[in-house]
Amino acid sequence: METLGLSPSTPKPRGRLRELFWPIIDSDVSARTAAQNAMYACFVIGVANLSPMLMSGGWLAPVLTCLFFVFAGFGIRSFSWTAALSTLFLYGLGIIFSIVSSGAFFGFIAIILLGLLIGGVRAVSFASRWRTEHPGEDIRREPLDGLSRWQRFFARLPLVFWPWARPLFVAYLALYALLAIVLVNFTLFFRPMSLPTSSMEPTIFQGEQVIVLRSWLMGPVHRGDIVVFPAPWNSSENYIKRIVGLPGDRLHLHNKQVILNGHPLDEPYVEHIAVGANEYRDNFPAGPDETLENAPDPDAARAMLDKDVRDGELIVPRGRYFVLGDNRDNSLDSRYIGLIPENSIVARPVFANGSARGFRSIPRIRIGN
């Protein structure tokens, strides 16, 4: 070291890339510089989000996004923890999609902007310590001597703008958090869907919107549970039916009455609207008759009748469920589509809305012994 004319206390040179992502912040000047760079990064992010969104035809979402980052930039320059941390968090989430969807070049630019935002957070951290060590001094203000009129304007603007913009910024964050909670709920826990048929009336009417609970939160399945499962012949089409038979159950229908394990099943939720009789429908598994030819999956129904019917009763095999619609005379259920695999159940309806009864919970009923 001495042969080079340097002492151990001499600052070591730092690479430019390191200075960009992790600058030295050890004074009020360097803290203001880092905060200002983060503010400019916010402005760039706001404009970058504004341009492509406007070209797509919408205006509300891009304008709100741009204003968010503009407000955030002023907040970071004013050394606000709220602005710095929320901006870093939200942009950090967005940068993942930016790299995946926009390619390596735009991803590299996004990482540079992320580095500037990290510098802004570090500047806010330094400012919090500075206020403790230098009471009465305002680290936000920089000397204006030697600056032009426009430079003075932009130096003062964040300090003047942020106090009244902060409530709007916090309100935006609260709305964003609420939307995020709703999105997470509908992604992981709940899901809205509609009932296209009348097969579950009068419990759920045709056209009503229902909110269903995802299967991994349902717990054990019981007789009487209403469940959602994809149609075996079309995975994009969902069916909603009630579980009547569990694995090991013996059942048949006699004059529309379900006989479960030798006992008539009490079903107060069932509706019978058909006037004429149908042997297969009303006395299942008697038949089959010509109505099975019109079933959406007659092969599955015939396989069930061939393999699982003993002495006039259906014996539900392991890993399968027997389901029926509450509108018993007008329902494409296990009588016509076969037994439902246990692993095909994806959700359970918990709320319904859309009829004259309004928004309501769907009761969970236990049937049988």
Foldseek 3Di string as FASTA:
>chain_A
DVVVVDDPPDDDDDDPVCCLQPNDDDDLVLLLVLLQLLLVLLQVVLVVQQVVVVVVPDHPVSVVSSVLSNLLSLCLLQLHLVSLVVVLVVLVVVLVVCCVPVHDVSSVVSVSSSSSSVSSNVSSVVVVVVCVVDPPDRSSADDCPPPDPVVVCVSCVSVVPNVVCVVVNVVVVVVVVVVVVVVCCCVQFKPKDAACDQLAPPLAGHGWIFIWTWPVPPPDDAQQFWFWFAQPVGRVHIDIWGFHFDAFWKWWADQQFIQINNHTKDDPLADEDDDDDDCVLRTPPPDDDPVLVPFPASVQLVVQVVPADDPSIGHHHPQWTFTGHSPSVDDRGCNRRNTHGNVRTTTGTFWIADDPVGIDGRDRDHIDD
